[in-house]
Amino acid sequence: MNNPLVLVVEDDAPVRNLMITTLKTHDYRYLTARNAAEALMMAASHNPDVIFLDLGLPDMDGIEVIRRIRGWSHVPILVISARSDDADKIEALDSGADDYLTKPFSVEELLARLRVTIRRLAQMNGEGGGDRSVYTNGKLRIDYSAGVAFLDGDELKLTSMEYKLLCLLARNTGKVLTHTYITQRIWGRSWDNDIASLRVFMATLRRKIEPGGDSPKYIQTHVGIGYRMLKVD
């Protein structure tokens, strides 16, 4: 992916200018928004490759911005916020954010997170093409090119993170994927907090694709190891 377009949503001018200078220096294209209204308009009209999002916006909480964007887009969203509590991070991730960076941050870490996101996006786009653009397993169907999943013909309302997890499991049907492997592929790292978040995301994903609840049909848990997508006849 050449010269990705990054939408920077930040109302603090010095922080915004730092991010713009960093992106410009490393040949990334960028757009800026100072509030939620501008962010939503630009996200819809310019289709950025990645969004840097501050949560403390003057006209709307950033969590609500994530939820609104997730209503129509799977664009990667990297939250950059002064909120450092685990509860804030979990709420942002549960709402559909892909990563969370706490202020103050280093330019090197910001660029590293961006590179990981771009690589992951390129890999997912590459894996979703060609004659494997549609995955079918029992009543579960994933249209990779459209970025949507269906269960028994009904579209599943998945968050961005739930959709990515589902695609990763689907592309490895029959294989046990360890916690470390999954978090490395989804977040680009494997910290204790990431594994805890993974359990939360898997629980919400399961509730949406496992009608039986107590008798998993699609996703099997291997306690202390990871998860496996089962092949359904």
C-alpha atoms as a PDB file:
ATOM      1  CA  MET A   1       0.000   0.000   0.000  1.00  0.00           C
ATOM      2  CA  ASN A   2       1.755   3.174  -1.248  1.00  0.00           C
ATOM      3  CA  ASN A   3       1.360   6.530   0.505  1.00  0.00           C
ATOM      4  CA  PRO A   4      -1.550   5.609   2.786  1.00  0.00           C
ATOM      5  CA  LEU A   5      -3.997   8.375   3.647  1.00  0.00           C
ATOM      6  CA  VAL A   6      -4.274   9.073   7.385  1.00  0.00           C
ATOM      7  CA  LEU A   7      -7.088  11.114   8.910  1.00  0.00           C
ATOM      8  CA  VAL A   8      -5.846  12.914  12.050  1.00  0.00           C
ATOM      9  CA  VAL A   9      -8.699  13.811  14.419  1.00  0.00           C
ATOM     10  CA  GLU A  10      -7.262  16.003  17.167  1.00  0.00           C
ATOM     11  CA  ASP A  11      -8.451  19.317  18.650  1.00  0.00           C
ATOM     12  CA  ASP A  12      -5.163  20.112  20.431  1.00  0.00           C
ATOM     13  CA  ALA A  13      -3.150  22.144  17.888  1.00  0.00           C
ATOM     14  CA  PRO A  14       0.386  21.268  19.156  1.00  0.00           C
ATOM     15  CA  VAL A  15      -0.395  17.534  19.205  1.00  0.00           C
ATOM     16  CA  ARG A  16      -2.090  17.758  15.807  1.00  0.00           C
ATOM     17  CA  ASN A  17       0.894  19.586  14.340  1.00  0.00           C
ATOM     18  CA  LEU A  18       3.290  17.000  15.766  1.00  0.00           C
ATOM     19  CA  MET A  19       1.372  14.178  14.108  1.00  0.00           C
ATOM     20  CA  ILE A  20       1.114  16.081  10.813  1.00  0.00           C
ATOM     21  CA  THR A  21       4.851  16.795  10.769  1.00  0.00           C
ATOM     22  CA  THR A  22       5.606  13.153  11.548  1.00  0.00           C
ATOM     23  CA  LEU A  23       3.352  11.895   8.765  1.00  0.00           C
ATOM     24  CA  LYS A  24       4.664  14.432   6.251  1.00  0.00           C
ATOM     25  CA  THR A  25       8.299  13.577   7.072  1.00  0.00           C
ATOM     26  CA  HIS A  26       7.620   9.877   6.415  1.00  0.00           C
ATOM     27  CA  ASP A  27       5.684  10.419   3.162  1.00  0.00           C
ATOM     28  CA  TYR A  28       2.212   9.622   4.461  1.00  0.00           C
ATOM     29  CA  ARG A  29      -0.694  11.576   3.036  1.00  0.00           C
ATOM     30  CA  TYR A  30      -2.936  13.129   5.664  1.00  0.00           C
ATOM     31  CA  LEU A  31      -6.151  14.987   6.392  1.00  0.00           C
ATOM     32  CA  THR A  32      -7.009  16.782   9.614  1.00  0.00           C
ATOM     33  CA  ALA A  33     -10.189  17.286  11.621  1.00  0.00           C
ATOM     34  CA  ARG A  34     -10.531  19.376  14.770  1.00  0.00           C
ATOM     35  CA  ASN A  35     -13.847  17.970  15.942  1.00  0.00           C
ATOM     36  CA  ALA A  36     -16.205  15.029  15.533  1.00  0.00           C
ATOM     37  CA  ALA A  37     -18.384  16.681  12.888  1.00  0.00           C
ATOM     38  CA  GLU A  38     -15.391  17.286  10.614  1.00  0.00           C
ATOM     39  CA  ALA A  39     -14.052  13.804  11.330  1.00  0.00           C
ATOM     40  CA  LEU A  40     -17.280  12.045  10.342  1.00  0.00           C
ATOM     41  CA  MET A  41     -17.604  14.132   7.181  1.00  0.00           C
ATOM     42  CA  MET A  42     -14.017  13.487   6.095  1.00  0.00           C
ATOM     43  CA  ALA A  43     -14.158   9.794   6.932  1.00  0.00           C
ATOM     44  CA  ALA A  44     -17.227   9.425   4.729  1.00  0.00           C
ATOM     45  CA  SER A  45     -16.058  11.603   1.839  1.00  0.00           C
ATOM     46  CA  HIS A  46     -12.324  10.802   1.633  1.00  0.00           C
ATOM     47  CA  ASN A  47     -12.232   7.120   2.652  1.00  0.00           C
ATOM     48  CA  PRO A  48      -8.928   7.281   4.592  1.00  0.00           C
ATOM     49  CA  ASP A  49      -6.791   4.173   5.059  1.00  0.00           C
ATOM     50  CA  VAL A  50      -6.266   4.801   8.797  1.00  0.00           C
ATOM     51  CA  ILE A  51      -7.783   7.161  11.372  1.00  0.00           C
ATOM     52  CA  PHE A  52      -5.888   8.654  14.335  1.00  0.00           C
ATOM     53  CA  LEU A  53      -8.597   9.596  16.820  1.00  0.00           C
ATOM     54  CA  ASP A  54      -8.500  11.622  20.029  1.00  0.00           C
ATOM     55  CA  LEU A  55     -11.332  10.778  22.431  1.00  0.00           C
ATOM     56  CA  GLY A  56     -11.644  14.199  24.052  1.00  0.00           C
ATOM     57  CA  LEU A  57     -13.241  16.121  21.207  1.00  0.00           C
ATOM     58  CA  PRO A  58     -15.169  19.371  21.863  1.00  0.00           C
ATOM     59  CA  ASP A  59     -18.472  18.408  20.211  1.00  0.00           C
ATOM     60  CA  MET A  60     -18.761  14.647  20.768  1.00  0.00           C
ATOM     61  CA  ASP A  61     -16.980  11.943  22.736  1.00  0.00           C
ATOM     62  CA  GLY A  62     -14.563   9.958  20.599  1.00  0.00           C
ATOM     63  CA  ILE A  63     -16.222   6.693  21.625  1.00  0.00           C
ATOM     64  CA  GLU A  64     -19.386   7.800  19.859  1.00  0.00           C
ATOM     65  CA  VAL A  65     -17.332   8.735  16.782  1.00  0.00           C
ATOM     66  CA  ILE A  66     -15.961   5.177  16.695  1.00  0.00           C
ATOM     67  CA  ARG A  67     -19.451   3.707  16.961  1.00  0.00           C
ATOM     68  CA  ARG A  68     -20.782   5.894  14.163  1.00  0.00           C
ATOM     69  CA  ILE A  69     -17.920   5.067  11.811  1.00  0.00           C
ATOM     70  CA  ARG A  70     -18.299   1.383  12.597  1.00  0.00           C
ATOM     71  CA  GLY A  71     -21.882   1.621  11.367  1.00  0.00           C
ATOM     72  CA  TRP A  72     -20.582   1.769   7.802  1.00  0.00           C
ATOM     73  CA  SER A  73     -16.799   1.245   7.691  1.00  0.00           C
ATOM     74  CA  HIS A  74     -14.063  -1.162   8.824  1.00  0.00           C
ATOM     75  CA  VAL A  75     -11.303   1.472   8.456  1.00  0.00           C
ATOM     76  CA  PRO A  76      -8.581   0.912  11.093  1.00  0.00           C
ATOM     77  CA  ILE A  77      -8.961   3.369  13.991  1.00  0.00           C
ATOM     78  CA  LEU A  78      -5.999   4.083  16.262  1.00  0.00           C
ATOM     79  CA  VAL A  79      -7.100   5.920  19.402  1.00  0.00           C
ATOM     80  CA  ILE A  80      -4.585   8.437  20.766  1.00  0.00           C
ATOM     81  CA  SER A  81      -5.844   9.663  24.111  1.00  0.00           C
ATOM     82  CA  ALA A  82      -4.814  11.022  27.483  1.00  0.00           C
ATOM     83  CA  ARG A  83      -7.281   8.593  29.088  1.00  0.00           C
ATOM     84  CA  SER A  84      -5.104   5.854  30.548  1.00  0.00           C
ATOM     85  CA  ASP A  85      -7.562   3.785  32.606  1.00  0.00           C
ATOM     86  CA  ASP A  86      -8.094   0.201  31.471  1.00  0.00           C
ATOM     87  CA  ALA A  87     -11.852   0.808  31.448  1.00  0.00           C
ATOM     88  CA  ASP A  88     -11.434   3.572  28.837  1.00  0.00           C
ATOM     89  CA  LYS A  89      -9.210   1.379  26.696  1.00  0.00           C
ATOM     90  CA  ILE A  90     -11.606  -1.556  26.848  1.00  0.00           C
ATOM     91  CA  GLU A  91     -14.593   0.662  26.006  1.00  0.00           C
ATOM     92  CA  ALA A  92     -12.782   2.065  22.972  1.00  0.00           C
ATOM     93  CA  LEU A  93     -11.733  -1.386  21.765  1.00  0.00           C
ATOM     94  CA  ASP A  94     -15.190  -2.832  22.404  1.00  0.00           C
ATOM     95  CA  SER A  95     -16.699   0.033  20.398  1.00  0.00           C
ATOM     96  CA  GLY A  96     -14.559  -0.872  17.387  1.00  0.00           C
ATOM     97  CA  ALA A  97     -11.135   0.764  17.798  1.00  0.00           C
ATOM     98  CA  ASP A  98      -8.213  -1.301  16.519  1.00  0.00           C
ATOM     99  CA  ASP A  99      -5.485   0.038  18.778  1.00  0.00           C
ATOM    100  CA  TYR A 100      -4.973   2.442  21.690  1.00  0.00           C
ATOM    101  CA  LEU A 101      -2.004   4.715  22.306  1.00  0.00           C
ATOM    102  CA  THR A 102      -1.813   6.780  25.507  1.00  0.00           C
ATOM    103  CA  LYS A 103      -0.583  10.383  25.577  1.00  0.00           C
ATOM    104  CA  PRO A 104       2.131  11.461  25.901  1.00  0.00           C
ATOM    105  CA  PHE A 105       3.464   9.199  23.155  1.00  0.00           C
ATOM    106  CA  SER A 106       6.736   8.928  21.286  1.00  0.00           C
ATOM    107  CA  VAL A 107       6.881   9.596  17.558  1.00  0.00           C
ATOM    108  CA  GLU A 108       8.689   6.292  17.094  1.00  0.00           C
ATOM    109  CA  GLU A 109       5.883   4.325  18.743  1.00  0.00           C
ATOM    110  CA  LEU A 110       3.235   6.195  16.738  1.00  0.00           C
ATOM    111  CA  LEU A 111       5.000   5.286  13.490  1.00  0.00           C
ATOM    112  CA  ALA A 112       5.498   1.691  14.608  1.00  0.00           C
ATOM    113  CA  ARG A 113       1.780   1.303  15.386  1.00  0.00           C
ATOM    114  CA  LEU A 114       0.935   2.841  12.007  1.00  0.00           C
ATOM    115  CA  ARG A 115       3.296   0.489  10.143  1.00  0.00           C
ATOM    116  CA  VAL A 116       1.768  -2.530  11.871  1.00  0.00           C
ATOM    117  CA  THR A 117      -1.736  -1.340  10.958  1.00  0.00           C
ATOM    118  CA  ILE A 118      -0.796  -0.760   7.315  1.00  0.00           C
ATOM    119  CA  ARG A 119       0.884  -4.170   7.039  1.00  0.00           C
ATOM    120  CA  ARG A 120      -2.110  -5.897   8.593  1.00  0.00           C
ATOM    121  CA  LEU A 121      -4.480  -4.057   6.281  1.00  0.00           C
ATOM    122  CA  ALA A 122      -2.435  -5.026   3.224  1.00  0.00           C
ATOM    123  CA  GLN A 123      -2.303  -8.664   4.329  1.00  0.00           C
ATOM    124  CA  MET A 124      -6.045  -8.812   4.919  1.00  0.00           C
ATOM    125  CA  ASN A 125      -6.801  -7.206   1.558  1.00  0.00           C
ATOM    126  CA  GLY A 126      -4.448  -9.603  -0.178  1.00  0.00           C
ATOM    127  CA  GLU A 127      -5.872 -12.661   1.528  1.00  0.00           C
ATOM    128  CA  GLY A 128      -9.414 -11.618   0.711  1.00  0.00           C
ATOM    129  CA  GLY A 129      -9.055 -11.495  -3.069  1.00  0.00           C
ATOM    130  CA  GLY A 130      -9.446 -13.828  -5.974  1.00  0.00           C
ATOM    131  CA  ASP A 131     -11.391 -17.053  -5.901  1.00  0.00           C
ATOM    132  CA  ARG A 132     -11.340 -17.135  -2.086  1.00  0.00           C
ATOM    133  CA  SER A 133     -13.387 -13.967  -1.740  1.00  0.00           C
ATOM    134  CA  VAL A 134     -16.312 -15.843  -0.161  1.00  0.00           C
ATOM    135  CA  TYR A 135     -15.975 -18.268   2.754  1.00  0.00           C
ATOM    136  CA  THR A 136     -18.751 -20.719   3.587  1.00  0.00           C
ATOM    137  CA  ASN A 137     -18.905 -22.976   6.621  1.00  0.00           C
ATOM    138  CA  GLY A 138     -22.291 -24.437   7.493  1.00  0.00           C
ATOM    139  CA  LYS A 139     -24.673 -21.490   7.816  1.00  0.00           C
ATOM    140  CA  LEU A 140     -21.793 -19.050   8.247  1.00  0.00           C
ATOM    141  CA  ARG A 141     -20.710 -17.040   5.208  1.00  0.00           C
ATOM    142  CA  ILE A 142     -18.087 -14.310   4.933  1.00  0.00           C
ATOM    143  CA  ASP A 143     -17.851 -12.037   1.909  1.00  0.00           C
ATOM    144  CA  TYR A 144     -14.280 -10.769   2.230  1.00  0.00           C
ATOM    145  CA  SER A 145     -14.523  -8.322  -0.657  1.00  0.00           C
ATOM    146  CA  ALA A 146     -17.613  -6.662   0.836  1.00  0.00           C
ATOM    147  CA  GLY A 147     -16.336  -6.905   4.419  1.00  0.00           C
ATOM    148  CA  VAL A 148     -19.509  -8.505   5.779  1.00  0.00           C
ATOM    149  CA  ALA A 149     -20.489 -11.814   7.355  1.00  0.00           C
ATOM    150  CA  PHE A 150     -23.814 -13.665   7.393  1.00  0.00           C
ATOM    151  CA  LEU A 151     -25.362 -16.374   9.536  1.00  0.00           C
ATOM    152  CA  ASP A 152     -28.217 -18.320   7.983  1.00  0.00           C
ATOM    153  CA  GLY A 153     -28.645 -15.529   5.433  1.00  0.00           C
ATOM    154  CA  ASP A 154     -28.860 -12.695   7.985  1.00  0.00           C
ATOM    155  CA  GLU A 155     -26.086 -10.116   8.111  1.00  0.00           C
ATOM    156  CA  LEU A 156     -24.122 -10.193  11.359  1.00  0.00           C
ATOM    157  CA  LYS A 157     -23.661  -6.849  13.101  1.00  0.00           C
ATOM    158  CA  LEU A 158     -19.984  -7.202  13.948  1.00  0.00           C
ATOM    159  CA  THR A 159     -17.553  -4.628  15.250  1.00  0.00           C
ATOM    160  CA  SER A 160     -14.339  -4.139  13.284  1.00  0.00           C
ATOM    161  CA  MET A 161     -12.389  -6.231  15.786  1.00  0.00           C
ATOM    162  CA  GLU A 162     -14.968  -9.040  15.828  1.00  0.00           C
ATOM    163  CA  TYR A 163     -14.914  -9.161  12.028  1.00  0.00           C
ATOM    164  CA  LYS A 164     -11.097  -9.351  11.934  1.00  0.00           C
ATOM    165  CA  LEU A 165     -11.072 -12.164  14.484  1.00  0.00           C
ATOM    166  CA  LEU A 166     -13.723 -14.058  12.570  1.00  0.00           C
ATOM    167  CA  CYS A 167     -11.777 -13.721   9.305  1.00  0.00           C
ATOM    168  CA  LEU A 168      -8.542 -14.859  10.939  1.00  0.00           C
ATOM    169  CA  LEU A 169     -10.213 -17.955  12.387  1.00  0.00           C
ATOM    170  CA  ALA A 170     -12.048 -18.684   9.139  1.00  0.00           C
ATOM    171  CA  ARG A 171      -8.874 -18.538   7.044  1.00  0.00           C
ATOM    172  CA  ASN A 172      -7.356 -21.099   9.421  1.00  0.00           C
ATOM    173  CA  THR A 173     -10.361 -23.443   9.770  1.00  0.00           C
ATOM    174  CA  GLY A 174      -9.400 -26.615  11.593  1.00  0.00           C
ATOM    175  CA  LYS A 175      -6.217 -25.139  13.084  1.00  0.00           C
ATOM    176  CA  VAL A 176      -5.738 -24.202  16.733  1.00  0.00           C
ATOM    177  CA  LEU A 177      -4.550 -20.589  16.846  1.00  0.00           C
ATOM    178  CA  THR A 178      -2.719 -19.660  20.031  1.00  0.00           C
ATOM    179  CA  HIS A 179      -3.466 -16.505  21.984  1.00  0.00           C
ATOM    180  CA  THR A 180      -0.032 -15.193  21.011  1.00  0.00           C
ATOM    181  CA  TYR A 181      -0.552 -15.879  17.305  1.00  0.00           C
ATOM    182  CA  ILE A 182      -3.955 -14.194  17.259  1.00  0.00           C
ATOM    183  CA  THR A 183      -2.869 -11.083  19.167  1.00  0.00           C
ATOM    184  CA  GLN A 184       0.253 -10.760  17.014  1.00  0.00           C
ATOM    185  CA  ARG A 185      -1.853 -10.888  13.852  1.00  0.00           C
ATOM    186  CA  ILE A 186      -4.590  -8.574  15.133  1.00  0.00           C
ATOM    187  CA  TRP A 187      -2.648  -6.050  17.225  1.00  0.00           C
ATOM    188  CA  GLY A 188       0.885  -6.638  16.014  1.00  0.00           C
ATOM    189  CA  ARG A 189       2.036  -7.551  19.530  1.00  0.00           C
ATOM    190  CA  SER A 190       1.141  -9.872  22.394  1.00  0.00           C
ATOM    191  CA  TRP A 191       0.914  -8.222  25.795  1.00  0.00           C
ATOM    192  CA  ASP A 192      -1.059  -9.465  28.794  1.00  0.00           C
ATOM    193  CA  ASN A 193      -3.655  -6.715  28.271  1.00  0.00           C
ATOM    194  CA  ASP A 194      -4.073  -7.773  24.638  1.00  0.00           C
ATOM    195  CA  ILE A 195      -4.817 -11.363  25.632  1.00  0.00           C
ATOM    196  CA  ALA A 196      -7.362 -10.144  28.201  1.00  0.00           C
ATOM    197  CA  SER A 197      -8.993  -7.993  25.502  1.00  0.00           C
ATOM    198  CA  LEU A 198      -8.979 -10.962  23.134  1.00  0.00           C
ATOM    199  CA  ARG A 199     -11.096 -12.972  25.568  1.00  0.00           C
ATOM    200  CA  VAL A 200     -13.627 -10.140  25.713  1.00  0.00           C
ATOM    201  CA  PHE A 201     -13.843  -9.867  21.921  1.00  0.00           C
ATOM    202  CA  MET A 202     -14.137 -13.634  21.487  1.00  0.00           C
ATOM    203  CA  ALA A 203     -16.982 -13.741  24.005  1.00  0.00           C
ATOM    204  CA  THR A 204     -18.956 -11.068  22.148  1.00  0.00           C
ATOM    205  CA  LEU A 205     -18.220 -12.674  18.767  1.00  0.00           C
ATOM    206  CA  ARG A 206     -19.405 -16.028  20.022  1.00  0.00           C
ATOM    207  CA  ARG A 207     -22.685 -14.614  21.254  1.00  0.00           C
ATOM    208  CA  LYS A 208     -23.384 -13.413  17.720  1.00  0.00           C
ATOM    209  CA  ILE A 209     -22.495 -16.574  15.780  1.00  0.00           C
ATOM    210  CA  GLU A 210     -23.261 -19.345  18.272  1.00  0.00           C
ATOM    211  CA  PRO A 211     -27.063 -19.560  18.673  1.00  0.00           C
ATOM    212  CA  GLY A 212     -26.693 -22.602  20.923  1.00  0.00           C
ATOM    213  CA  GLY A 213     -24.594 -20.742  23.463  1.00  0.00           C
ATOM    214  CA  ASP A 214     -23.504 -23.632  25.684  1.00  0.00           C
ATOM    215  CA  SER A 215     -22.723 -25.932  22.740  1.00  0.00           C
ATOM    216  CA  PRO A 216     -20.231 -24.132  20.462  1.00  0.00           C
ATOM    217  CA  LYS A 217     -20.679 -25.066  16.830  1.00  0.00           C
ATOM    218  CA  TYR A 218     -18.124 -22.847  15.141  1.00  0.00           C
ATOM    219  CA  ILE A 219     -15.494 -21.616  17.609  1.00  0.00           C
ATOM    220  CA  GLN A 220     -13.855 -24.084  19.963  1.00  0.00           C
ATOM    221  CA  THR A 221     -11.865 -22.900  22.983  1.00  0.00           C
ATOM    222  CA  HIS A 222      -8.642 -24.660  23.898  1.00  0.00           C
ATOM    223  CA  VAL A 223      -8.203 -23.557  27.503  1.00  0.00           C
ATOM    224  CA  GLY A 224      -4.882 -21.865  28.116  1.00  0.00           C
ATOM    225  CA  ILE A 225      -3.913 -22.223  24.456  1.00  0.00           C
ATOM    226  CA  GLY A 226      -6.254 -20.465  22.041  1.00  0.00           C
ATOM    227  CA  TYR A 227      -9.174 -20.974  19.658  1.00  0.00           C
ATOM    228  CA  ARG A 228     -10.107 -23.022  16.596  1.00  0.00           C
ATOM    229  CA  MET A 229     -12.715 -22.574  13.879  1.00  0.00           C
ATOM    230  CA  LEU A 230     -14.455 -25.916  13.448  1.00  0.00           C
ATOM    231  CA  LYS A 231     -15.481 -27.223  10.045  1.00  0.00           C
ATOM    232  CA  VAL A 232     -19.264 -27.570   9.964  1.00  0.00           C
ATOM    233  CA  ASP A 233     -20.842 -30.067   7.570  1.00  0.00           C
END
